[in-house]
Amino acid sequence: MQRYFVPAQQFSEHEVTITGDDARHIIRVMRSQEGDKLIACDGNQLDVLAEISSMDEGVVTARIVERLEQLSETTVQVTIAQSLPKGDKMETVIQKCTELGAAAFVPFLSERTVVQYDSRKEEKRIQRWSKIAKEAAEQSHRSRIPQIGQPLSWKQLLATFAQYDLICFCYEKENGSQLRDVVQPFAAGLQQKPDTAAQVLIVVGPEGGFAEQEVEAAEQHGAVPTGLGRRILRTETAAMTALACIMYETGEMGGI
């Protein structure tokens, strides 16, 4: 069943009003009729099953039939800190990691980032990324849209590390820890505290990798360098792989 994210102010006690692109999608793409059902979410605490009661150009009104239980969101909140990659790779990271359950995305600039950052264009890029996250959340039947932050400098990113319970710093290092070695004991600890909303950060570098001084700074701020196996992954693949492994080990994909 088609799912739409609707601003909270467009919900009333008994109805939800859908406007803009979503309304046009319902009318023109889905070719819905009065009496058809859909799912509407406010992106926070409310998911409802609703029945279309009226349609006009750009406006769809639906009667709320029942409130739905939210089952698709994860107990572990995982944020992806991704050094800005070339081309449309960031779009791929956002789309696929949203499907896998990422809670937020933090783009950042590191020493070897090759993308030329332009603050004048950044607002449009964030709008584009937000739209991709919304569509991916709808497709994967999530109840919340991941937040996408403004790009940070490396120093600004380091300053956020204290907010997290675990920081997986994706980095190939001789004799370093592998992701499973880091996540398994963390996941075991969470089993002892089932009501804890753990905050995890995955940090992924650019195409050229991290500079040695960045690795040292990350470790000083509490990050754990973690390998992702014997193969060298592309920057956009690393984020998805690390997230999938964490979701599995913490029981979000049947790992526990």
Protein backbone atom coordinates (compact mmCIF):
# COMPACT_ATOMS: atom_id res chain seq x y z
CA MET A 1 0.00 0.00 0.00
CA GLN A 2 1.32 3.42 -0.95
CA ARG A 3 2.76 5.47 1.92
CA TYR A 4 3.04 9.27 2.14
CA PHE A 5 4.74 11.59 4.60
CA VAL A 6 2.43 14.47 5.46
CA PRO A 7 3.17 17.50 7.69
CA ALA A 8 1.65 17.09 11.15
CA GLN A 9 -0.48 20.22 10.77
CA GLN A 10 -2.36 18.55 7.89
CA PHE A 11 -3.76 15.90 10.24
CA SER A 12 -6.98 16.47 12.16
CA GLU A 13 -8.70 14.10 14.53
CA HIS A 14 -10.55 12.31 11.75
CA GLU A 15 -8.94 13.39 8.47
CA VAL A 16 -5.64 13.95 6.73
CA THR A 17 -5.16 16.40 3.88
CA ILE A 18 -2.49 15.68 1.28
CA THR A 19 -1.29 18.42 -1.05
CA GLY A 20 1.45 19.25 -3.54
CA ASP A 21 3.49 16.58 -5.31
CA ASP A 22 2.07 13.78 -3.18
CA ALA A 23 -1.49 14.71 -4.09
CA ARG A 24 -0.59 14.84 -7.76
CA HIS A 25 1.08 11.44 -7.42
CA ILE A 26 -2.09 9.98 -5.90
CA ILE A 27 -4.29 11.44 -8.62
CA ARG A 28 -2.17 11.21 -11.76
CA VAL A 29 0.33 8.41 -11.16
CA MET A 30 -1.56 6.04 -8.89
CA ARG A 31 -4.88 6.99 -10.52
CA SER A 32 -6.56 6.49 -7.17
CA GLN A 33 -10.30 6.75 -6.70
CA GLU A 34 -12.50 7.75 -3.80
CA GLY A 35 -12.65 4.81 -1.42
CA ASP A 36 -9.07 3.72 -2.11
CA LYS A 37 -6.82 3.41 0.94
CA LEU A 38 -3.34 4.74 1.66
CA ILE A 39 -0.99 5.14 4.61
CA ALA A 40 -0.13 8.62 5.88
CA CYS A 41 2.69 9.36 8.33
CA ASP A 42 3.59 12.56 10.13
CA GLY A 43 7.24 11.49 10.30
CA ASN A 44 7.17 11.27 14.07
CA GLN A 45 4.64 9.42 16.19
CA LEU A 46 1.66 8.92 13.88
CA ASP A 47 1.03 6.40 11.09
CA VAL A 48 -2.57 5.98 9.92
CA LEU A 49 -4.55 3.97 7.44
CA ALA A 50 -6.81 6.40 5.58
CA GLU A 51 -9.55 6.13 2.97
CA ILE A 52 -9.75 8.76 0.23
CA SER A 53 -12.97 10.76 0.60
CA SER A 54 -12.40 13.52 -1.97
CA MET A 55 -9.90 14.56 -4.63
CA ASP A 56 -9.38 17.89 -6.32
CA GLU A 57 -6.48 19.25 -8.35
CA GLY A 58 -3.58 19.35 -5.94
CA VAL A 59 -5.60 18.31 -2.84
CA VAL A 60 -6.57 14.87 -1.55
CA THR A 61 -8.65 14.43 1.61
CA ALA A 62 -8.74 11.05 3.34
CA ARG A 63 -10.72 9.80 6.33
CA ILE A 64 -8.60 8.20 9.03
CA VAL A 65 -9.67 4.57 9.43
CA GLU A 66 -7.23 3.41 12.08
CA ARG A 67 -3.96 4.26 13.73
CA LEU A 68 -1.15 1.86 12.82
CA GLU A 69 1.58 0.48 15.02
CA GLN A 70 5.06 1.65 14.05
CA LEU A 71 7.18 -1.44 13.46
CA SER A 72 9.75 -0.43 10.85
CA GLU A 73 11.99 1.94 12.83
CA THR A 74 15.15 0.69 14.51
CA THR A 75 15.94 0.76 18.22
CA VAL A 76 19.57 1.62 17.46
CA GLN A 77 19.92 5.07 15.93
CA VAL A 78 22.69 5.00 13.31
CA THR A 79 24.03 8.18 11.73
CA ILE A 80 26.12 8.06 8.55
CA ALA A 81 28.93 10.62 8.42
CA GLN A 82 30.01 10.57 4.78
CA SER A 83 32.87 12.59 3.35
CA LEU A 84 31.40 14.25 0.26
CA PRO A 85 32.00 11.90 -2.69
CA LYS A 86 32.15 12.73 -6.39
CA GLY A 87 29.16 12.81 -8.72
CA ASP A 88 25.86 11.43 -7.51
CA LYS A 89 27.37 8.91 -5.07
CA MET A 90 25.93 10.77 -2.08
CA GLU A 91 22.47 10.27 -3.52
CA THR A 92 23.14 6.51 -3.66
CA VAL A 93 24.36 6.48 -0.06
CA ILE A 94 21.27 8.35 1.15
CA GLN A 95 18.82 6.22 -0.81
CA LYS A 96 20.21 2.82 0.11
CA CYS A 97 21.10 3.63 3.72
CA THR A 98 17.61 5.08 4.26
CA GLU A 99 16.18 1.76 3.10
CA LEU A 100 18.48 -0.03 5.55
CA GLY A 101 17.34 2.12 8.48
CA ALA A 102 19.78 5.02 8.87
CA ALA A 103 18.50 7.70 11.24
CA ALA A 104 20.52 10.64 9.89
CA PHE A 105 23.23 11.71 7.47
CA VAL A 106 26.09 14.12 8.13
CA PRO A 107 28.09 15.14 5.03
CA PHE A 108 31.58 16.41 5.83
CA LEU A 109 34.78 17.67 4.24
CA SER A 110 38.07 15.93 4.95
CA GLU A 111 41.62 16.50 3.74
CA ARG A 112 41.32 14.32 0.65
CA THR A 113 37.76 15.28 -0.32
CA VAL A 114 37.93 16.08 -4.04
CA VAL A 115 34.51 17.72 -4.34
CA GLN A 116 34.67 21.48 -4.64
CA TYR A 117 32.36 22.70 -1.90
CA ASP A 118 30.14 25.63 -2.90
CA SER A 119 27.91 26.92 -0.11
CA ARG A 120 25.73 28.80 -2.63
CA LYS A 121 24.74 25.52 -4.28
CA GLU A 122 24.57 23.47 -1.10
CA GLU A 123 20.99 24.35 -0.19
CA LYS A 124 19.74 22.92 -3.48
CA ARG A 125 21.79 19.79 -2.96
CA ILE A 126 20.35 19.28 0.52
CA GLN A 127 16.84 19.77 -0.84
CA ARG A 128 17.58 17.13 -3.47
CA TRP A 129 19.02 14.74 -0.87
CA SER A 130 16.02 15.30 1.41
CA LYS A 131 13.64 14.41 -1.41
CA ILE A 132 15.59 11.21 -2.08
CA ALA A 133 15.47 10.31 1.63
CA LYS A 134 11.71 10.92 1.72
CA GLU A 135 11.04 8.76 -1.31
CA ALA A 136 13.29 5.98 -0.01
CA ALA A 137 11.57 6.09 3.39
CA GLU A 138 8.17 5.81 1.71
CA GLN A 139 9.31 2.94 -0.51
CA SER A 140 10.77 1.00 2.42
CA HIS A 141 7.69 1.65 4.61
CA ARG A 142 9.52 3.59 7.27
CA SER A 143 7.76 5.85 9.74
CA ARG A 144 10.43 8.56 9.80
CA ILE A 145 12.53 10.38 7.25
CA PRO A 146 16.24 10.52 8.10
CA GLN A 147 17.61 13.95 8.90
CA ILE A 148 20.25 15.37 6.56
CA GLY A 149 22.56 17.92 8.13
CA GLN A 150 24.56 20.76 6.67
CA PRO A 151 28.08 19.76 5.55
CA LEU A 152 30.61 20.00 8.37
CA SER A 153 34.32 20.59 8.41
CA TRP A 154 36.50 17.82 9.83
CA LYS A 155 36.95 19.71 13.10
CA GLN A 156 33.21 20.30 13.37
CA LEU A 157 32.55 16.60 12.84
CA LEU A 158 35.06 15.64 15.54
CA ALA A 159 33.23 17.93 17.97
CA THR A 160 30.05 15.83 17.55
CA PHE A 161 31.70 12.50 18.50
CA ALA A 162 30.83 12.90 22.19
CA GLN A 163 27.12 12.52 21.30
CA TYR A 164 27.52 8.86 20.30
CA ASP A 165 27.80 5.60 22.21
CA LEU A 166 29.85 3.94 19.46
CA ILE A 167 31.84 5.48 16.60
CA CYS A 168 32.88 3.10 13.84
CA PHE A 169 35.63 4.77 11.85
CA CYS A 170 35.87 2.84 8.57
CA TYR A 171 39.60 2.44 7.98
CA GLU A 172 41.86 -0.36 6.83
CA LYS A 173 44.70 -0.67 9.33
CA GLU A 174 47.21 -3.46 9.79
CA ASN A 175 46.20 -5.57 12.78
CA GLY A 176 43.24 -3.26 13.35
CA SER A 177 39.80 -4.30 14.55
CA GLN A 178 37.24 -5.64 12.13
CA LEU A 179 33.68 -4.34 12.29
CA ARG A 180 32.30 -7.56 13.77
CA ASP A 181 34.86 -7.46 16.58
CA VAL A 182 33.66 -3.99 17.53
CA VAL A 183 29.90 -4.35 17.04
CA GLN A 184 29.31 -7.79 18.59
CA PRO A 185 30.28 -6.82 22.18
CA PHE A 186 28.42 -3.53 21.77
CA ALA A 187 25.30 -5.39 20.66
CA ALA A 188 25.66 -7.84 23.55
CA GLY A 189 25.72 -4.91 25.96
CA LEU A 190 22.53 -3.55 24.44
CA GLN A 191 20.75 -6.82 25.20
CA GLN A 192 21.33 -6.09 28.87
CA LYS A 193 19.71 -2.66 28.44
CA PRO A 194 16.79 -3.25 26.03
CA ASP A 195 15.21 0.15 26.68
CA THR A 196 18.35 2.09 25.77
CA ALA A 197 18.21 4.10 22.53
CA ALA A 198 21.86 3.70 21.52
CA GLN A 199 23.45 6.25 19.21
CA VAL A 200 25.98 4.93 16.67
CA LEU A 201 28.06 6.89 14.18
CA ILE A 202 29.59 5.39 11.04
CA VAL A 203 32.37 7.57 9.59
CA VAL A 204 33.32 6.97 5.95
CA GLY A 205 36.14 8.77 4.18
CA PRO A 206 36.43 10.08 0.60
CA GLU A 207 37.67 8.24 -2.48
CA GLY A 208 41.29 8.84 -1.46
CA GLY A 209 40.81 7.68 2.12
CA PHE A 210 41.72 9.44 5.35
CA ALA A 211 45.01 11.17 6.05
CA GLU A 212 47.01 9.67 8.93
CA GLN A 213 46.53 12.75 11.11
CA GLU A 214 42.75 12.44 10.66
CA VAL A 215 42.88 8.85 11.86
CA GLU A 216 44.85 9.89 14.93
CA ALA A 217 42.44 12.74 15.69
CA ALA A 218 39.43 10.43 15.32
CA GLU A 219 40.93 7.93 17.77
CA GLN A 220 41.69 10.71 20.24
CA HIS A 221 38.02 11.69 20.10
CA GLY A 222 36.80 8.16 20.86
CA ALA A 223 36.41 6.60 17.42
CA VAL A 224 37.32 2.96 16.83
CA PRO A 225 39.09 2.27 13.50
CA THR A 226 37.26 -0.67 11.96
CA GLY A 227 37.98 -2.71 8.87
CA LEU A 228 35.30 -4.03 6.54
CA GLY A 229 36.97 -7.23 5.41
CA ARG A 230 39.81 -8.10 3.09
CA ARG A 231 38.49 -6.26 0.06
CA ILE A 232 38.78 -2.53 -0.62
CA LEU A 233 35.32 -1.00 -0.94
CA ARG A 234 34.25 2.14 -2.74
CA THR A 235 33.27 4.99 -0.45
CA GLU A 236 29.55 4.61 -1.25
CA THR A 237 29.74 0.82 -0.71
CA ALA A 238 31.47 1.16 2.66
CA ALA A 239 28.60 3.10 4.22
CA MET A 240 25.98 0.58 3.11
CA THR A 241 28.08 -2.40 4.16
CA ALA A 242 28.85 -1.06 7.62
CA LEU A 243 25.23 -0.11 8.23
CA ALA A 244 23.90 -3.51 7.12
CA CYS A 245 26.38 -5.29 9.40
CA ILE A 246 25.43 -3.14 12.39
CA MET A 247 21.73 -3.68 11.75
CA TYR A 248 22.29 -7.43 11.60
CA GLU A 249 24.41 -7.65 14.73
CA THR A 250 21.96 -5.54 16.75
CA GLY A 251 19.03 -7.74 15.76
CA GLU A 252 17.39 -5.39 13.24
CA MET A 253 17.85 -7.95 10.45
CA GLY A 254 17.44 -11.11 12.48
CA GLY A 255 20.98 -11.27 13.82
CA ILE A 256 20.05 -11.85 17.46
